[in-house]
Structures are given as C-alpha cells and as structure tokens.
Amino acid sequence: MRNKVAAFGEVMMRLQVPNYKKLEQSRTLDYLFSGTGVNILSAVSRYGHGTELLTKLPDNNLGDAALSYIRSLGVGTSHVLRGEEYLGIYFLENGFGVRGTSVTYTNRKDSSFCRARKEEYEYDTLLEGVTLIHFCGISLAVTPNVRETVLMLAREAKKRNITVCFDCNYRPKLWDSYEQAKALYEEMLELADICLMTEKDAIHILGMETAEIEREKQLEDLLPQVAATYNIHTIAGTMRETISTTVQKLTGFIVQDGAIAYSQSHTFDVFDRIGGGDGYTSGIIHGYMMQWPKEKIAEFSIASAILAHTTYGDSPVASLREVEAFMNGAFQELER
C-alpha cells in the first residue's frame, strides 16, 4: 500500500498580470488556483504517493472551478468541505531584473476557509489511512478559527502516530510581532516530526541566540539545538542568494541526528518564483518517507525546488523521472 499524504491549507485564486507589466498597466489577468497544501500535494502525487487536500471552498461556480483545477493536478479532494461564498485572492506582478515581484492579497479573512470552524473538520474521517500530514505557518496566522483547526488536527494526528510536517513559513504581513507567534510556533514544534525552518526562524521566532556570524555556522549552531529541544527528527530548509529577480542561487540543507548535510549549490534562471519552496518541501517529504539518508534527501529536494522554479504556476508539476534526471546531472536541452 502506498503512502498517503494529507495537507491542511487554504486554496487561493492567483490573478497574474501578464508580460511583466504592473497592475495599472494591464487590462487582462491570467488566473489559476494555488496554496501551500495544493502545491505540495501536486508534487508528491507525481512522486508516487496518494494525496488528500483538507480545506474548505465556496459552494458556488468559483469553488467548482477551483475544485476542478486542483483535481487536474492529481490531488485528492474527497474531503474538501464546501460552503459560503468567498475565495481568497492574490494579485501577482512579476518583477524583472532589479524590479522585484509584488504580491497583493485581498478578501482573505472572509474566505470560506478562514471562516470555517474546527467542528466542521471530522478528524476521524479526515485522518483515516494518512501516513503524513503537512501544515503551514501561514494557517496559524490568518484567523483564530483556522489556528484552532491546525492545532486540533496536529494533536489528533500525533495521537494516531501520523508523521507531522510543519513549515514555519513566517509571514510578517500576517502577524503583529514575533512575540505574538512564538507560543503557537512552539506548540507546533512540539508536535512536529519534520520541520521546515531556517536560522532566522530560530533567532526571531524562538528568541535563540548565537555568537556565530556566518550563516552556515548559525545553522549548524542553532538548528540541532531546536531539533533536540523539541524532539524533531528532521529539520530542513534552503539558503537563497538573489542575483536578480530572474537569476538565483539555491542550496538545500537538512539536519538529522545532530548533524547537517548540504546539497550542491545551483545557480539557475527563474521562470516562476512562487511555489519554489513548496517544491523543496515536497522533496523532503518524499525522501523522508522513502527513508533515504539525509545527503540524498537534500540533493533530491533541491532538484525538486529548482524544477519548480522553471514551470508556470505555483504548483510543481515535474515528474519523478525529471527530478531524478536533474539530480543526476542528466540535463537535456531538447528531448526527442
């Protein structure tokens, strides 16, 4: 029986300004649907795992369109709740060269997902047969309703020996301060088996201190401490160097058993930046469930992340074969 990965998270409509224009320059928008959970499940479904999205969509034509799009990605939707009218929306203005990419959110806290009560999610049914469940720090921030649901599902998953994966993904626009987030993050870290975080999360959210100056030394100092303090099996993340909006350098790292492994560093052209981090997370999830050594997980995950930067849309669509080929250096300019 193959693994089943569930993800709890919001589905949003992405409205993208075409041709690198700014919003005020365009009279047309391209739309699709996305969200951290959708993106991760899109990738892991291509790596051979069963998937199930846990969310709530509007009970109208917009919700129908979102559901159809999510299914087209190979994501399971049998437990998606329906109700109310609104879907969160964000506008994407792609940067170019030295001009950065801009994201503008609207209508988020009034969405069906953000207004859903924890009692609507019947965890006995939702968690049946699940091997691993993913949560995102964004869900801790959006509304008290969602926050309560995250904590409830994570606790219930832990009781059932389901692997809990938590991506810190701290968004300053969604919190008043690091202090506001700290207690909630600490509770999730106590439940997590896998955590996606960086040294900045340890310093700013958890209030940890280090005498190290270089970033790698900070990672090596702080993250094993986090793993030991909260009994987390795997901590992973990336180091990103932005050369320009369309050229970046990425290195992955993974902490297990008090030791850290780094992937190779890759400099590459970016086609679509959003969802790249979810490509990395999906690689970590796949490697963890395949019980690979941390060095192999890091290389697979960075390959997964980079390919996610090269395709249109937030949701990674690279196949397992493509990721393995990139990881093994088998780049082909043209495949016939």
Protein backbone atom coordinates (compact mmCIF):
# COMPACT_ATOMS: atom_id res chain seq x y z
CA MET A 1 0.00 0.00 0.00
CA ARG A 2 1.46 3.39 -0.99
CA ASN A 3 1.87 6.30 1.42
CA LYS A 4 -0.96 8.81 1.74
CA VAL A 5 -0.02 12.44 2.28
CA ALA A 6 -2.61 14.93 3.53
CA ALA A 7 -2.21 18.70 3.66
CA PHE A 8 -4.33 21.24 5.50
CA GLY A 9 -4.39 24.69 3.97
CA GLU A 10 -6.13 27.46 2.10
CA VAL A 11 -6.81 27.46 -1.62
CA MET A 12 -6.44 30.89 -3.23
CA MET A 13 -7.07 32.33 -6.66
CA ARG A 14 -3.93 33.74 -8.28
CA LEU A 15 -4.53 36.63 -10.67
CA GLN A 16 -1.33 37.27 -12.61
CA VAL A 17 -0.53 40.36 -14.64
CA PRO A 18 0.90 39.08 -17.95
CA ASN A 19 4.09 40.11 -19.74
CA TYR A 20 5.91 41.56 -16.71
CA LYS A 21 3.50 44.51 -16.59
CA LYS A 22 2.46 46.32 -13.43
CA LEU A 23 -1.15 46.03 -12.35
CA GLU A 24 -2.10 49.51 -13.51
CA GLN A 25 -0.66 48.81 -16.98
CA SER A 26 -2.78 45.76 -17.77
CA ARG A 27 -6.41 45.18 -18.67
CA THR A 28 -6.17 41.38 -18.60
CA LEU A 29 -5.25 38.87 -15.90
CA ASP A 30 -4.39 35.15 -16.05
CA TYR A 31 -5.88 33.10 -13.25
CA LEU A 32 -5.28 29.77 -11.58
CA PHE A 33 -5.66 28.30 -8.09
CA SER A 34 -2.95 27.53 -5.57
CA GLY A 35 -1.95 27.28 -1.94
CA THR A 36 0.87 25.66 0.02
CA GLY A 37 -1.08 22.43 0.52
CA VAL A 38 -2.14 22.27 -3.12
CA ASN A 39 1.43 22.87 -4.28
CA ILE A 40 2.99 20.20 -2.08
CA LEU A 41 0.38 17.60 -2.91
CA SER A 42 0.74 18.34 -6.63
CA ALA A 43 4.41 17.41 -6.38
CA VAL A 44 4.19 14.37 -4.11
CA SER A 45 1.41 12.90 -6.24
CA ARG A 46 3.92 12.87 -9.11
CA TYR A 47 6.41 11.12 -6.85
CA GLY A 48 4.01 8.20 -6.42
CA HIS A 49 2.14 8.98 -3.20
CA GLY A 50 -1.57 9.18 -2.53
CA THR A 51 -2.80 12.67 -1.61
CA GLU A 52 -5.71 14.32 0.16
CA LEU A 53 -6.35 18.05 0.50
CA LEU A 54 -8.09 19.23 3.68
CA THR A 55 -9.69 22.62 3.08
CA LYS A 56 -12.97 24.44 2.51
CA LEU A 57 -14.09 26.00 -0.78
CA PRO A 58 -17.07 28.23 -1.63
CA ASP A 59 -20.24 26.46 -2.64
CA ASN A 60 -20.60 28.24 -5.99
CA ASN A 61 -19.12 28.29 -9.51
CA LEU A 62 -15.83 29.70 -8.24
CA GLY A 63 -15.47 26.81 -5.82
CA ASP A 64 -16.34 24.38 -8.61
CA ALA A 65 -13.61 25.88 -10.82
CA ALA A 66 -11.06 25.63 -8.01
CA LEU A 67 -12.00 22.02 -7.32
CA SER A 68 -11.68 21.11 -10.99
CA TYR A 69 -8.24 22.74 -11.23
CA ILE A 70 -6.98 21.00 -8.07
CA ARG A 71 -8.14 17.62 -9.37
CA SER A 72 -6.31 18.27 -12.65
CA LEU A 73 -3.08 18.37 -10.61
CA GLY A 74 -3.68 14.82 -9.37
CA VAL A 75 -4.62 15.96 -5.86
CA GLY A 76 -7.26 14.07 -3.88
CA THR A 77 -10.33 16.14 -2.99
CA SER A 78 -12.75 13.68 -1.41
CA HIS A 79 -12.64 15.50 1.95
CA VAL A 80 -12.87 19.09 0.70
CA LEU A 81 -15.63 20.96 2.53
CA ARG A 82 -17.98 23.31 0.69
CA GLY A 83 -19.82 26.35 1.97
CA GLU A 84 -20.19 30.15 1.95
CA GLU A 85 -19.23 32.42 -0.94
CA TYR A 86 -15.69 33.76 -0.93
CA LEU A 87 -12.26 32.59 -2.00
CA GLY A 88 -9.04 34.35 -1.02
CA ILE A 89 -7.38 36.16 -3.93
CA TYR A 90 -3.92 37.48 -4.62
CA PHE A 91 -2.60 39.60 -7.46
CA LEU A 92 0.84 38.74 -8.82
CA GLU A 93 3.05 41.29 -10.58
CA ASN A 94 6.21 39.57 -11.82
CA GLY A 95 9.40 41.52 -11.37
CA PHE A 96 12.11 41.86 -13.96
CA GLY A 97 15.83 42.48 -13.44
CA VAL A 98 16.26 44.76 -10.44
CA ARG A 99 12.47 45.27 -10.04
CA GLY A 100 11.12 42.77 -7.53
CA THR A 101 7.98 40.67 -7.74
CA SER A 102 4.94 42.05 -5.92
CA VAL A 103 2.05 40.12 -4.32
CA THR A 104 -1.14 41.86 -3.15
CA TYR A 105 -3.73 39.93 -1.11
CA THR A 106 -7.45 40.65 -0.94
CA ASN A 107 -10.55 39.17 0.70
CA ARG A 108 -8.56 36.57 2.59
CA LYS A 109 -10.06 36.67 6.09
CA ASP A 110 -13.59 36.46 4.68
CA SER A 111 -12.88 33.32 2.65
CA SER A 112 -14.74 30.06 3.19
CA PHE A 113 -11.54 28.52 4.51
CA CYS A 114 -10.76 31.26 7.01
CA ARG A 115 -14.33 31.38 8.33
CA ALA A 116 -14.66 27.59 8.76
CA ARG A 117 -14.97 26.32 12.33
CA LYS A 118 -12.86 23.46 13.64
CA GLU A 119 -16.01 21.43 14.34
CA GLU A 120 -16.60 21.17 10.58
CA TYR A 121 -13.48 19.01 10.16
CA GLU A 122 -14.27 15.46 11.30
CA TYR A 123 -10.76 14.29 12.10
CA ASP A 124 -11.63 10.60 12.46
CA THR A 125 -12.64 10.54 8.80
CA LEU A 126 -10.05 13.02 7.52
CA LEU A 127 -7.05 11.26 9.09
CA GLU A 128 -8.04 7.70 8.18
CA GLY A 129 -5.24 5.98 6.28
CA VAL A 130 -2.99 9.07 6.33
CA THR A 131 0.77 8.46 6.62
CA LEU A 132 1.91 12.09 6.85
CA ILE A 133 0.12 15.42 7.24
CA HIS A 134 1.51 18.83 6.33
CA PHE A 135 0.73 22.18 7.99
CA CYS A 136 1.95 25.66 7.13
CA GLY A 137 2.71 28.53 9.49
CA ILE A 138 0.51 30.77 7.35
CA SER A 139 -2.51 28.82 8.64
CA LEU A 140 -1.52 29.73 12.21
CA ALA A 141 -1.68 33.40 11.28
CA VAL A 142 -4.77 34.01 9.18
CA THR A 143 -7.70 33.69 11.66
CA PRO A 144 -8.36 32.20 15.13
CA ASN A 145 -10.73 29.65 13.51
CA VAL A 146 -8.00 28.26 11.27
CA ARG A 147 -5.43 28.34 14.06
CA GLU A 148 -7.67 26.19 16.28
CA THR A 149 -8.20 23.71 13.44
CA VAL A 150 -4.46 23.38 12.79
CA LEU A 151 -3.72 22.61 16.42
CA MET A 152 -6.64 20.18 16.70
CA LEU A 153 -5.66 18.22 13.58
CA ALA A 154 -1.97 18.17 14.54
CA ARG A 155 -2.74 16.83 18.02
CA GLU A 156 -5.09 14.18 16.63
CA ALA A 157 -2.51 13.16 14.00
CA LYS A 158 0.13 12.78 16.69
CA LYS A 159 -2.19 10.53 18.73
CA ARG A 160 -2.54 8.29 15.66
CA ASN A 161 1.24 8.11 15.03
CA ILE A 162 0.86 10.06 11.78
CA THR A 163 4.01 11.93 10.79
CA VAL A 164 3.50 15.69 11.27
CA CYS A 165 5.31 18.05 8.90
CA PHE A 166 5.31 21.76 9.80
CA ASP A 167 6.63 24.56 7.61
CA CYS A 168 7.34 27.66 9.73
CA ASN A 169 6.78 29.99 6.75
CA TYR A 170 6.54 33.11 8.93
CA ARG A 171 4.90 35.98 7.03
CA PRO A 172 5.43 39.39 8.69
CA LYS A 173 2.34 40.87 6.98
CA LEU A 174 0.10 38.36 8.79
CA TRP A 175 1.43 38.80 12.35
CA ASP A 176 1.67 41.81 14.67
CA SER A 177 5.03 40.63 16.04
CA TYR A 178 7.30 37.65 16.54
CA GLU A 179 6.17 37.56 20.17
CA GLN A 180 2.56 37.01 19.07
CA ALA A 181 3.61 33.97 17.03
CA LYS A 182 6.11 32.39 19.43
CA ALA A 183 3.81 30.33 21.70
CA LEU A 184 1.84 28.95 18.73
CA TYR A 185 5.00 28.01 16.86
CA GLU A 186 6.41 26.32 19.93
CA GLU A 187 3.25 24.23 20.28
CA MET A 188 3.51 23.11 16.66
CA LEU A 189 7.21 22.33 17.03
CA GLU A 190 6.36 20.07 19.99
CA LEU A 191 4.11 18.08 17.64
CA ALA A 192 6.33 18.11 14.53
CA ASP A 193 8.41 15.21 13.24
CA ILE A 194 9.61 17.24 10.23
CA CYS A 195 10.08 20.99 10.29
CA LEU A 196 10.96 23.42 7.52
CA MET A 197 12.80 26.37 9.06
CA THR A 198 15.97 28.45 8.95
CA GLU A 199 18.31 30.05 11.46
CA LYS A 200 16.25 33.27 11.15
CA ASP A 201 13.19 31.43 12.48
CA ALA A 202 15.22 30.15 15.44
CA ILE A 203 16.55 33.64 16.20
CA HIS A 204 13.48 35.78 15.60
CA ILE A 205 10.53 33.49 16.45
CA LEU A 206 12.08 31.33 19.18
CA GLY A 207 14.40 34.01 20.56
CA MET A 208 17.52 31.85 20.37
CA GLU A 209 20.98 33.42 20.39
CA THR A 210 24.24 32.56 18.67
CA ALA A 211 27.69 34.09 18.65
CA GLU A 212 28.25 32.94 15.08
CA ILE A 213 28.28 35.49 12.26
CA GLU A 214 28.35 33.37 9.09
CA ARG A 215 25.01 31.90 8.05
CA GLU A 216 26.18 28.29 7.75
CA LYS A 217 27.73 28.45 11.21
CA GLN A 218 24.47 29.84 12.60
CA LEU A 219 22.55 26.96 11.02
CA GLU A 220 24.99 24.43 12.45
CA ASP A 221 24.81 26.03 15.89
CA LEU A 222 21.07 26.65 16.24
CA LEU A 223 19.10 24.05 14.31
CA PRO A 224 20.49 20.94 16.06
CA GLN A 225 19.51 22.70 19.30
CA VAL A 226 15.98 23.21 18.01
CA ALA A 227 15.76 19.55 16.98
CA ALA A 228 16.94 18.37 20.40
CA THR A 229 14.71 20.79 22.36
CA TYR A 230 11.52 19.86 20.53
CA ASN A 231 12.41 16.25 19.64
CA ILE A 232 12.14 16.88 15.89
CA HIS A 233 13.52 14.13 13.66
CA THR A 234 14.24 16.24 10.57
CA ILE A 235 14.76 19.98 10.09
CA ALA A 236 15.32 21.28 6.57
CA GLY A 237 15.43 24.48 4.57
CA THR A 238 17.23 26.42 1.88
CA MET A 239 19.76 29.20 1.55
CA ARG A 240 18.84 31.56 -1.30
CA GLU A 241 21.04 34.16 -2.97
CA THR A 242 19.16 36.53 -5.25
CA ILE A 243 21.36 37.68 -8.10
CA SER A 244 18.40 39.29 -9.87
CA THR A 245 14.65 38.68 -9.98
CA THR A 246 15.23 36.09 -12.71
CA VAL A 247 18.59 34.60 -11.63
CA GLN A 248 19.05 32.97 -8.23
CA LYS A 249 21.35 30.60 -6.37
CA LEU A 250 19.93 27.91 -4.09
CA THR A 251 21.42 25.45 -1.60
CA GLY A 252 19.46 22.96 0.49
CA PHE A 253 20.27 21.72 3.97
CA ILE A 254 18.89 19.01 6.24
CA VAL A 255 19.52 18.34 9.94
CA GLN A 256 19.18 14.84 11.38
CA ASP A 257 20.75 13.23 14.47
CA GLY A 258 22.57 16.43 15.39
CA ALA A 259 24.39 16.67 12.06
CA ILE A 260 23.74 18.82 8.99
CA ALA A 261 24.11 17.91 5.31
CA TYR A 262 24.13 20.39 2.43
CA SER A 263 23.10 19.88 -1.17
CA GLN A 264 25.11 21.13 -4.09
CA SER A 265 24.60 24.84 -4.84
CA HIS A 266 22.88 25.66 -8.12
CA THR A 267 22.59 28.97 -9.96
CA PHE A 268 19.63 28.98 -12.33
CA ASP A 269 17.14 31.09 -14.27
CA VAL A 270 13.75 31.62 -12.64
CA PHE A 271 10.59 31.37 -14.71
CA ASP A 272 8.04 31.43 -11.86
CA ARG A 273 9.33 32.02 -8.31
CA ILE A 274 6.19 31.31 -6.27
CA GLY A 275 5.89 27.67 -5.19
CA GLY A 276 9.62 27.00 -5.36
CA GLY A 277 9.84 26.49 -1.61
CA ASP A 278 6.93 24.06 -1.76
CA GLY A 279 8.89 22.11 -4.38
CA TYR A 280 11.68 21.76 -1.82
CA THR A 281 9.29 20.69 0.95
CA SER A 282 7.74 18.03 -1.28
CA GLY A 283 11.20 16.62 -1.90
CA ILE A 284 11.87 16.46 1.85
CA ILE A 285 8.57 14.64 2.39
CA HIS A 286 9.29 12.14 -0.39
CA GLY A 287 12.84 11.42 0.80
CA TYR A 288 11.72 11.07 4.41
CA MET A 289 9.04 8.53 3.50
CA MET A 290 11.50 6.65 1.29
CA GLN A 291 13.86 6.50 4.30
CA TRP A 292 16.81 7.86 2.32
CA PRO A 293 19.98 9.15 4.01
CA LYS A 294 19.94 12.90 4.60
CA GLU A 295 22.51 13.59 1.87
CA LYS A 296 20.29 12.03 -0.80
CA ILE A 297 17.19 13.77 0.55
CA ALA A 298 18.95 17.14 0.32
CA GLU A 299 20.00 16.56 -3.32
CA PHE A 300 16.58 15.32 -4.39
CA SER A 301 14.82 18.19 -2.63
CA ILE A 302 16.97 20.91 -4.17
CA ALA A 303 16.41 19.38 -7.62
CA SER A 304 12.67 19.36 -6.92
CA ALA A 305 12.79 23.01 -5.83
CA ILE A 306 14.77 24.22 -8.83
CA LEU A 307 12.50 22.50 -11.33
CA ALA A 308 9.51 24.07 -9.57
CA HIS A 309 11.05 27.47 -10.40
CA THR A 310 11.12 26.58 -14.11
CA THR A 311 7.42 25.87 -14.75
CA TYR A 312 4.36 28.11 -14.93
CA GLY A 313 2.16 28.38 -11.87
CA ASP A 314 2.62 27.88 -8.15
CA SER A 315 2.09 24.11 -8.15
CA PRO A 316 5.11 21.94 -9.07
CA VAL A 317 4.45 19.59 -11.98
CA ALA A 318 7.86 17.97 -12.59
CA SER A 319 7.73 14.18 -12.74
CA LEU A 320 9.80 11.89 -10.55
CA ARG A 321 11.84 10.96 -13.63
CA GLU A 322 12.60 14.61 -14.38
CA VAL A 323 13.70 15.35 -10.83
CA GLU A 324 15.94 12.28 -10.70
CA ALA A 325 17.45 13.17 -14.07
CA PHE A 326 18.30 16.69 -12.89
CA MET A 327 19.67 15.36 -9.60
CA ASN A 328 21.94 13.00 -11.53
CA GLY A 329 23.12 15.73 -13.89
CA ALA A 330 21.30 14.39 -16.96
CA PHE A 331 20.22 17.78 -18.36
CA GLN A 332 18.89 17.70 -21.92
CA GLU A 333 18.26 20.88 -23.90
CA LEU A 334 15.88 19.01 -26.20
CA GLU A 335 14.33 15.61 -25.52
CA ARG A 336 13.01 13.80 -28.59
